[in-house]
Amino acid sequence: MKEIPNLHYFRSKNSFSGSSGLFRYRLDPDGELLRAAAWFGPDCMDRTEEKKILKKEFPLDADGLGAAVSWLEQVQKEEQV
């Protein structure tokens, strides 16, 4: 997984997406929340069936960002097993 931007990046209302192989992910700030999404496949989020996208919300703070990154890493790891 690519290096995730710092908290200031998300507090400035920027989204971030990336991929590693067929693992895709996206982080979107929304008020005081950081919305994380993860899915597998060749397509972008807009072209992936909603039911195939895993989503989770985290607080938009340092702990929340760390938890979001850990969650994304766990989702990626579970698929590789």
PDB file of N, CA and C in Angstrom:
ATOM      1  N   MET A   1       0.848  -1.177   0.000  1.00  0.00           N
ATOM      2  CA  MET A   1       0.000   0.000   0.000  1.00  0.00           C
ATOM      3  C   MET A   1       0.898   1.247   0.000  1.00  0.00           C
ATOM      4  N   LYS A   2       0.480   2.234  -0.758  1.00  0.00           N
ATOM      5  CA  LYS A   2       1.216   3.501  -0.832  1.00  0.00           C
ATOM      6  C   LYS A   2       1.246   4.182   0.533  1.00  0.00           C
ATOM      7  N   GLU A   3       2.168   5.112   0.676  1.00  0.00           N
ATOM      8  CA  GLU A   3       2.191   5.914   1.893  1.00  0.00           C
ATOM      9  C   GLU A   3       0.953   6.809   1.913  1.00  0.00           C
ATOM     10  N   ILE A   4       0.237   6.782   3.028  1.00  0.00           N
ATOM     11  CA  ILE A   4      -0.977   7.569   3.186  1.00  0.00           C
ATOM     12  C   ILE A   4      -0.599   8.987   3.610  1.00  0.00           C
ATOM     13  N   PRO A   5      -1.253  10.017   3.064  1.00  0.00           N
ATOM     14  CA  PRO A   5      -0.945  11.392   3.461  1.00  0.00           C
ATOM     15  C   PRO A   5      -1.196  11.631   4.956  1.00  0.00           C
ATOM     16  N   ASN A   6      -0.663  12.724   5.459  1.00  0.00           N
ATOM     17  CA  ASN A   6      -0.830  13.039   6.876  1.00  0.00           C
ATOM     18  C   ASN A   6      -2.218  13.616   7.166  1.00  0.00           C
ATOM     19  N   LEU A   7      -2.500  13.818   8.438  1.00  0.00           N
ATOM     20  CA  LEU A   7      -3.811  14.273   8.884  1.00  0.00           C
ATOM     21  C   LEU A   7      -4.174  15.635   8.276  1.00  0.00           C
ATOM     22  N   HIS A   8      -3.206  16.533   8.160  1.00  0.00           N
ATOM     23  CA  HIS A   8      -3.474  17.856   7.586  1.00  0.00           C
ATOM     24  C   HIS A   8      -4.058  17.751   6.172  1.00  0.00           C
ATOM     25  N   TYR A   9      -3.572  16.798   5.403  1.00  0.00           N
ATOM     26  CA  TYR A   9      -4.059  16.570   4.041  1.00  0.00           C
ATOM     27  C   TYR A   9      -5.573  16.322   4.053  1.00  0.00           C
ATOM     28  N   PHE A  10      -6.018  15.460   4.962  1.00  0.00           N
ATOM     29  CA  PHE A  10      -7.444  15.134   5.045  1.00  0.00           C
ATOM     30  C   PHE A  10      -8.246  16.256   5.703  1.00  0.00           C
ATOM     31  N   ARG A  11      -7.667  16.927   6.683  1.00  0.00           N
ATOM     32  CA  ARG A  11      -8.353  18.065   7.316  1.00  0.00           C
ATOM     33  C   ARG A  11      -8.550  19.208   6.317  1.00  0.00           C
ATOM     34  N   SER A  12      -7.744  19.224   5.262  1.00  0.00           N
ATOM     35  CA  SER A  12      -7.875  20.226   4.200  1.00  0.00           C
ATOM     36  C   SER A  12      -8.886  19.791   3.141  1.00  0.00           C
ATOM     37  N   LYS A  13      -9.675  18.767   3.471  1.00  0.00           N
ATOM     38  CA  LYS A  13     -10.789  18.277   2.641  1.00  0.00           C
ATOM     39  C   LYS A  13     -10.344  17.583   1.362  1.00  0.00           C
ATOM     40  N   ASN A  14      -9.170  16.962   1.401  1.00  0.00           N
ATOM     41  CA  ASN A  14      -8.681  16.211   0.247  1.00  0.00           C
ATOM     42  C   ASN A  14      -8.988  14.731   0.410  1.00  0.00           C
ATOM     43  N   SER A  15      -9.377  14.083  -0.666  1.00  0.00           N
ATOM     44  CA  SER A  15      -9.569  12.637  -0.700  1.00  0.00           C
ATOM     45  C   SER A  15      -8.289  11.994  -1.202  1.00  0.00           C
ATOM     46  N   PHE A  16      -8.158  10.701  -0.935  1.00  0.00           N
ATOM     47  CA  PHE A  16      -6.978   9.970  -1.369  1.00  0.00           C
ATOM     48  C   PHE A  16      -7.396   8.562  -1.773  1.00  0.00           C
ATOM     49  N   SER A  17      -6.880   8.101  -2.882  1.00  0.00           N
ATOM     50  CA  SER A  17      -7.143   6.723  -3.298  1.00  0.00           C
ATOM     51  C   SER A  17      -5.857   6.088  -3.780  1.00  0.00           C
ATOM     52  N   GLY A  18      -5.845   4.773  -3.750  1.00  0.00           N
ATOM     53  CA  GLY A  18      -4.664   4.065  -4.189  1.00  0.00           C
ATOM     54  C   GLY A  18      -4.986   2.616  -4.477  1.00  0.00           C
ATOM     55  N   SER A  19      -3.966   1.885  -4.884  1.00  0.00           N
ATOM     56  CA  SER A  19      -4.151   0.469  -5.181  1.00  0.00           C
ATOM     57  C   SER A  19      -2.834  -0.264  -5.001  1.00  0.00           C
ATOM     58  N   SER A  20      -2.975  -1.565  -4.834  1.00  0.00           N
ATOM     59  CA  SER A  20      -1.831  -2.461  -4.769  1.00  0.00           C
ATOM     60  C   SER A  20      -2.303  -3.776  -5.379  1.00  0.00           C
ATOM     61  N   GLY A  21      -1.840  -4.078  -6.576  1.00  0.00           N
ATOM     62  CA  GLY A  21      -2.385  -5.226  -7.283  1.00  0.00           C
ATOM     63  C   GLY A  21      -3.858  -4.976  -7.576  1.00  0.00           C
ATOM     64  N   LEU A  22      -4.722  -5.904  -7.178  1.00  0.00           N
ATOM     65  CA  LEU A  22      -6.162  -5.727  -7.379  1.00  0.00           C
ATOM     66  C   LEU A  22      -6.847  -5.130  -6.156  1.00  0.00           C
ATOM     67  N   PHE A  23      -6.091  -4.801  -5.125  1.00  0.00           N
ATOM     68  CA  PHE A  23      -6.650  -4.159  -3.937  1.00  0.00           C
ATOM     69  C   PHE A  23      -6.761  -2.657  -4.192  1.00  0.00           C
ATOM     70  N   ARG A  24      -7.947  -2.121  -3.989  1.00  0.00           N
ATOM     71  CA  ARG A  24      -8.207  -0.699  -4.196  1.00  0.00           C
ATOM     72  C   ARG A  24      -8.731  -0.102  -2.891  1.00  0.00           C
ATOM     73  N   TYR A  25      -8.432   1.158  -2.653  1.00  0.00           N
ATOM     74  CA  TYR A  25      -8.917   1.805  -1.437  1.00  0.00           C
ATOM     75  C   TYR A  25      -9.083   3.305  -1.656  1.00  0.00           C
ATOM     76  N   ARG A  26      -9.882   3.890  -0.785  1.00  0.00           N
ATOM     77  CA  ARG A  26     -10.147   5.324  -0.867  1.00  0.00           C
ATOM     78  C   ARG A  26     -10.430   5.849   0.532  1.00  0.00           C
ATOM     79  N   LEU A  27      -9.923   7.030   0.825  1.00  0.00           N
ATOM     80  CA  LEU A  27     -10.174   7.727   2.082  1.00  0.00           C
ATOM     81  C   LEU A  27     -10.751   9.094   1.760  1.00  0.00           C
ATOM     82  N   ASP A  28     -11.923   9.388   2.351  1.00  0.00           N
ATOM     83  CA  ASP A  28     -12.605  10.661   2.116  1.00  0.00           C
ATOM     84  C   ASP A  28     -12.942  11.331   3.440  1.00  0.00           C
ATOM     85  N   PRO A  29     -12.500  12.569   3.634  1.00  0.00           N
ATOM     86  CA  PRO A  29     -12.921  13.293   4.833  1.00  0.00           C
ATOM     87  C   PRO A  29     -14.357  13.785   4.663  1.00  0.00           C
ATOM     88  N   ASP A  30     -15.112  13.769   5.756  1.00  0.00           N
ATOM     89  CA  ASP A  30     -16.495  14.235   5.729  1.00  0.00           C
ATOM     90  C   ASP A  30     -16.796  14.833   7.100  1.00  0.00           C
ATOM     91  N   GLY A  31     -16.661  16.138   7.216  1.00  0.00           N
ATOM     92  CA  GLY A  31     -16.836  16.790   8.513  1.00  0.00           C
ATOM     93  C   GLY A  31     -15.765  16.309   9.473  1.00  0.00           C
ATOM     94  N   GLU A  32     -16.182  15.703  10.567  1.00  0.00           N
ATOM     95  CA  GLU A  32     -15.241  15.176  11.555  1.00  0.00           C
ATOM     96  C   GLU A  32     -15.021  13.672  11.390  1.00  0.00           C
ATOM     97  N   LEU A  33     -15.415  13.139  10.236  1.00  0.00           N
ATOM     98  CA  LEU A  33     -15.237  11.712   9.952  1.00  0.00           C
ATOM     99  C   LEU A  33     -14.274  11.494   8.798  1.00  0.00           C
ATOM    100  N   LEU A  34     -13.621  10.359   8.837  1.00  0.00           N
ATOM    101  CA  LEU A  34     -12.807   9.895   7.726  1.00  0.00           C
ATOM    102  C   LEU A  34     -13.464   8.603   7.243  1.00  0.00           C
ATOM    103  N   ARG A  35     -13.983   8.610   6.040  1.00  0.00           N
ATOM    104  CA  ARG A  35     -14.687   7.449   5.484  1.00  0.00           C
ATOM    105  C   ARG A  35     -13.696   6.639   4.640  1.00  0.00           C
ATOM    106  N   ALA A  36     -13.554   5.381   5.015  1.00  0.00           N
ATOM    107  CA  ALA A  36     -12.640   4.485   4.306  1.00  0.00           C
ATOM    108  C   ALA A  36     -13.441   3.472   3.494  1.00  0.00           C
ATOM    109  N   ALA A  37     -12.941   3.159   2.327  1.00  0.00           N
ATOM    110  CA  ALA A  37     -13.559   2.155   1.472  1.00  0.00           C
ATOM    111  C   ALA A  37     -12.456   1.279   0.893  1.00  0.00           C
ATOM    112  N   ALA A  38     -12.759  -0.022   0.765  1.00  0.00           N
ATOM    113  CA  ALA A  38     -11.791  -0.966   0.208  1.00  0.00           C
ATOM    114  C   ALA A  38     -12.542  -1.984  -0.644  1.00  0.00           C
ATOM    115  N   TRP A  39     -11.926  -2.385  -1.736  1.00  0.00           N
ATOM    116  CA  TRP A  39     -12.520  -3.390  -2.617  1.00  0.00           C
ATOM    117  C   TRP A  39     -11.415  -4.031  -3.438  1.00  0.00           C
ATOM    118  N   PHE A  40     -11.775  -5.139  -4.064  1.00  0.00           N
ATOM    119  CA  PHE A  40     -10.826  -5.872  -4.897  1.00  0.00           C
ATOM    120  C   PHE A  40     -11.380  -5.959  -6.312  1.00  0.00           C
ATOM    121  N   GLY A  41     -10.516  -5.806  -7.266  1.00  0.00           N
ATOM    122  CA  GLY A  41     -10.917  -5.929  -8.661  1.00  0.00           C
ATOM    123  C   GLY A  41     -10.204  -4.921  -9.526  1.00  0.00           C
ATOM    124  N   PRO A  42     -10.447  -5.011 -10.818  1.00  0.00           N
ATOM    125  CA  PRO A  42      -9.743  -4.141 -11.757  1.00  0.00           C
ATOM    126  C   PRO A  42     -10.367  -2.758 -11.902  1.00  0.00           C
ATOM    127  N   ASP A  43     -11.586  -2.566 -11.380  1.00  0.00           N
ATOM    128  CA  ASP A  43     -12.314  -1.328 -11.637  1.00  0.00           C
ATOM    129  C   ASP A  43     -12.197  -0.303 -10.510  1.00  0.00           C
ATOM    130  N   CYS A  44     -12.446   0.949 -10.872  1.00  0.00           N
ATOM    131  CA  CYS A  44     -12.488   2.025  -9.893  1.00  0.00           C
ATOM    132  C   CYS A  44     -13.752   1.873  -9.031  1.00  0.00           C
ATOM    133  N   MET A  45     -13.845   2.663  -8.001  1.00  0.00           N
ATOM    134  CA  MET A  45     -14.967   2.574  -7.071  1.00  0.00           C
ATOM    135  C   MET A  45     -16.306   2.805  -7.768  1.00  0.00           C
ATOM    136  N   ASP A  46     -16.358   3.768  -8.672  1.00  0.00           N
ATOM    137  CA  ASP A  46     -17.609   4.086  -9.363  1.00  0.00           C
ATOM    138  C   ASP A  46     -18.106   2.956 -10.254  1.00  0.00           C
ATOM    139  N   ARG A  47     -17.210   2.082 -10.679  1.00  0.00           N
ATOM    140  CA  ARG A  47     -17.590   0.986 -11.576  1.00  0.00           C
ATOM    141  C   ARG A  47     -17.654  -0.364 -10.856  1.00  0.00           C
ATOM    142  N   THR A  48     -17.559  -0.332  -9.533  1.00  0.00           N
ATOM    143  CA  THR A  48     -17.618  -1.552  -8.733  1.00  0.00           C
ATOM    144  C   THR A  48     -18.982  -1.638  -8.056  1.00  0.00           C
ATOM    145  N   GLU A  49     -19.561  -2.834  -8.037  1.00  0.00           N
ATOM    146  CA  GLU A  49     -20.851  -3.023  -7.384  1.00  0.00           C
ATOM    147  C   GLU A  49     -20.756  -2.617  -5.914  1.00  0.00           C
ATOM    148  N   GLU A  50     -21.742  -1.887  -5.446  1.00  0.00           N
ATOM    149  CA  GLU A  50     -21.760  -1.371  -4.078  1.00  0.00           C
ATOM    150  C   GLU A  50     -21.569  -2.490  -3.053  1.00  0.00           C
ATOM    151  N   LYS A  51     -22.172  -3.638  -3.285  1.00  0.00           N
ATOM    152  CA  LYS A  51     -22.097  -4.734  -2.318  1.00  0.00           C
ATOM    153  C   LYS A  51     -20.687  -5.325  -2.205  1.00  0.00           C
ATOM    154  N   LYS A  52     -19.809  -5.024  -3.150  1.00  0.00           N
ATOM    155  CA  LYS A  52     -18.433  -5.529  -3.112  1.00  0.00           C
ATOM    156  C   LYS A  52     -17.468  -4.564  -2.418  1.00  0.00           C
ATOM    157  N   ILE A  53     -17.965  -3.399  -2.012  1.00  0.00           N
ATOM    158  CA  ILE A  53     -17.116  -2.391  -1.390  1.00  0.00           C
ATOM    159  C   ILE A  53     -17.303  -2.440   0.123  1.00  0.00           C
ATOM    160  N   LEU A  54     -16.211  -2.651   0.837  1.00  0.00           N
ATOM    161  CA  LEU A  54     -16.234  -2.617   2.301  1.00  0.00           C
ATOM    162  C   LEU A  54     -16.040  -1.172   2.730  1.00  0.00           C
ATOM    163  N   LYS A  55     -16.825  -0.727   3.711  1.00  0.00           N
ATOM    164  CA  LYS A  55     -16.734   0.661   4.161  1.00  0.00           C
ATOM    165  C   LYS A  55     -16.694   0.721   5.678  1.00  0.00           C
ATOM    166  N   LYS A  56     -15.985   1.707   6.173  1.00  0.00           N
ATOM    167  CA  LYS A  56     -15.913   1.924   7.614  1.00  0.00           C
ATOM    168  C   LYS A  56     -15.594   3.397   7.864  1.00  0.00           C
ATOM    169  N   GLU A  57     -16.122   3.932   8.957  1.00  0.00           N
ATOM    170  CA  GLU A  57     -15.884   5.330   9.322  1.00  0.00           C
ATOM    171  C   GLU A  57     -14.996   5.415  10.551  1.00  0.00           C
ATOM    172  N   PHE A  58     -14.173   6.457  10.563  1.00  0.00           N
ATOM    173  CA  PHE A  58     -13.244   6.701  11.657  1.00  0.00           C
ATOM    174  C   PHE A  58     -13.289   8.182  12.008  1.00  0.00           C
ATOM    175  N   PRO A  59     -12.916   8.536  13.240  1.00  0.00           N
ATOM    176  CA  PRO A  59     -12.827   9.959  13.569  1.00  0.00           C
ATOM    177  C   PRO A  59     -11.715  10.604  12.739  1.00  0.00           C
ATOM    178  N   LEU A  60     -11.916  11.849  12.375  1.00  0.00           N
ATOM    179  CA  LEU A  60     -10.902  12.564  11.600  1.00  0.00           C
ATOM    180  C   LEU A  60      -9.909  13.193  12.576  1.00  0.00           C
ATOM    181  N   ASP A  61      -9.088  12.330  13.163  1.00  0.00           N
ATOM    182  CA  ASP A  61      -8.013  12.763  14.047  1.00  0.00           C
ATOM    183  C   ASP A  61      -6.860  11.781  13.870  1.00  0.00           C
ATOM    184  N   ALA A  62      -5.764  11.996  14.592  1.00  0.00           N
ATOM    185  CA  ALA A  62      -4.576  11.160  14.405  1.00  0.00           C
ATOM    186  C   ALA A  62      -4.872   9.696  14.701  1.00  0.00           C
ATOM    187  N   ASP A  63      -5.611   9.420  15.772  1.00  0.00           N
ATOM    188  CA  ASP A  63      -5.937   8.035  16.101  1.00  0.00           C
ATOM    189  C   ASP A  63      -6.833   7.415  15.034  1.00  0.00           C
ATOM    190  N   GLY A  64      -7.794   8.183  14.555  1.00  0.00           N
ATOM    191  CA  GLY A  64      -8.697   7.684  13.517  1.00  0.00           C
ATOM    192  C   GLY A  64      -7.969   7.377  12.227  1.00  0.00           C
ATOM    193  N   LEU A  65      -7.034   8.235  11.851  1.00  0.00           N
ATOM    194  CA  LEU A  65      -6.266   7.998  10.630  1.00  0.00           C
ATOM    195  C   LEU A  65      -5.436   6.726  10.777  1.00  0.00           C
ATOM    196  N   GLY A  66      -4.803   6.556  11.940  1.00  0.00           N
ATOM    197  CA  GLY A  66      -4.031   5.335  12.190  1.00  0.00           C
ATOM    198  C   GLY A  66      -4.909   4.098  12.144  1.00  0.00           C
ATOM    199  N   ALA A  67      -6.107   4.187  12.726  1.00  0.00           N
ATOM    200  CA  ALA A  67      -7.034   3.059  12.717  1.00  0.00           C
ATOM    201  C   ALA A  67      -7.512   2.756  11.302  1.00  0.00           C
ATOM    202  N   ALA A  68      -7.739   3.787  10.503  1.00  0.00           N
ATOM    203  CA  ALA A  68      -8.177   3.589   9.114  1.00  0.00           C
ATOM    204  C   ALA A  68      -7.094   2.871   8.314  1.00  0.00           C
ATOM    205  N   VAL A  69      -5.856   3.289   8.478  1.00  0.00           N
ATOM    206  CA  VAL A  69      -4.747   2.645   7.763  1.00  0.00           C
ATOM    207  C   VAL A  69      -4.616   1.187   8.212  1.00  0.00           C
ATOM    208  N   SER A  70      -4.728   0.948   9.515  1.00  0.00           N
ATOM    209  CA  SER A  70      -4.657  -0.431  10.022  1.00  0.00           C
ATOM    210  C   SER A  70      -5.787  -1.275   9.458  1.00  0.00           C
ATOM    211  N   TRP A  71      -6.988  -0.706   9.391  1.00  0.00           N
ATOM    212  CA  TRP A  71      -8.131  -1.428   8.840  1.00  0.00           C
ATOM    213  C   TRP A  71      -7.892  -1.776   7.376  1.00  0.00           C
ATOM    214  N   LEU A  72      -7.396  -0.821   6.594  1.00  0.00           N
ATOM    215  CA  LEU A  72      -7.105  -1.092   5.178  1.00  0.00           C
ATOM    216  C   LEU A  72      -6.063  -2.200   5.034  1.00  0.00           C
ATOM    217  N   GLU A  73      -5.020  -2.160   5.862  1.00  0.00           N
ATOM    218  CA  GLU A  73      -3.999  -3.188   5.807  1.00  0.00           C
ATOM    219  C   GLU A  73      -4.570  -4.550   6.165  1.00  0.00           C
ATOM    220  N   GLN A  74      -5.479  -4.590   7.146  1.00  0.00           N
ATOM    221  CA  GLN A  74      -6.107  -5.846   7.547  1.00  0.00           C
ATOM    222  C   GLN A  74      -6.998  -6.401   6.431  1.00  0.00           C
ATOM    223  N   VAL A  75      -7.768  -5.544   5.806  1.00  0.00           N
ATOM    224  CA  VAL A  75      -8.630  -5.972   4.694  1.00  0.00           C
ATOM    225  C   VAL A  75      -7.763  -6.553   3.576  1.00  0.00           C
ATOM    226  N   GLN A  76      -6.683  -5.870   3.254  1.00  0.00           N
ATOM    227  CA  GLN A  76      -5.789  -6.355   2.196  1.00  0.00           C
ATOM    228  C   GLN A  76      -5.195  -7.698   2.573  1.00  0.00           C
ATOM    229  N   LYS A  77      -4.744  -7.836   3.800  1.00  0.00           N
ATOM    230  CA  LYS A  77      -4.127  -9.074   4.260  1.00  0.00           C
ATOM    231  C   LYS A  77      -5.115 -10.242   4.252  1.00  0.00           C
ATOM    232  N   GLU A  78      -6.337 -10.014   4.695  1.00  0.00           N
ATOM    233  CA  GLU A  78      -7.342 -11.079   4.759  1.00  0.00           C
ATOM    234  C   GLU A  78      -7.645 -11.642   3.381  1.00  0.00           C
ATOM    235  N   GLU A  79      -7.623 -10.810   2.366  1.00  0.00           N
ATOM    236  CA  GLU A  79      -7.907 -11.279   1.014  1.00  0.00           C
ATOM    237  C   GLU A  79      -6.771 -12.138   0.473  1.00  0.00           C
ATOM    238  N   GLN A  80      -5.560 -11.898   0.941  1.00  0.00           N
ATOM    239  CA  GLN A  80      -4.404 -12.634   0.452  1.00  0.00           C
ATOM    240  C   GLN A  80      -4.301 -14.028   1.060  1.00  0.00           C
ATOM    241  N   VAL A  81      -5.033 -14.283   2.145  1.00  0.00           N
ATOM    242  CA  VAL A  81      -4.961 -15.586   2.833  1.00  0.00           C
ATOM    243  C   VAL A  81      -5.688 -16.646   2.060  1.00  0.00           C
TER     244      VAL A  81
END
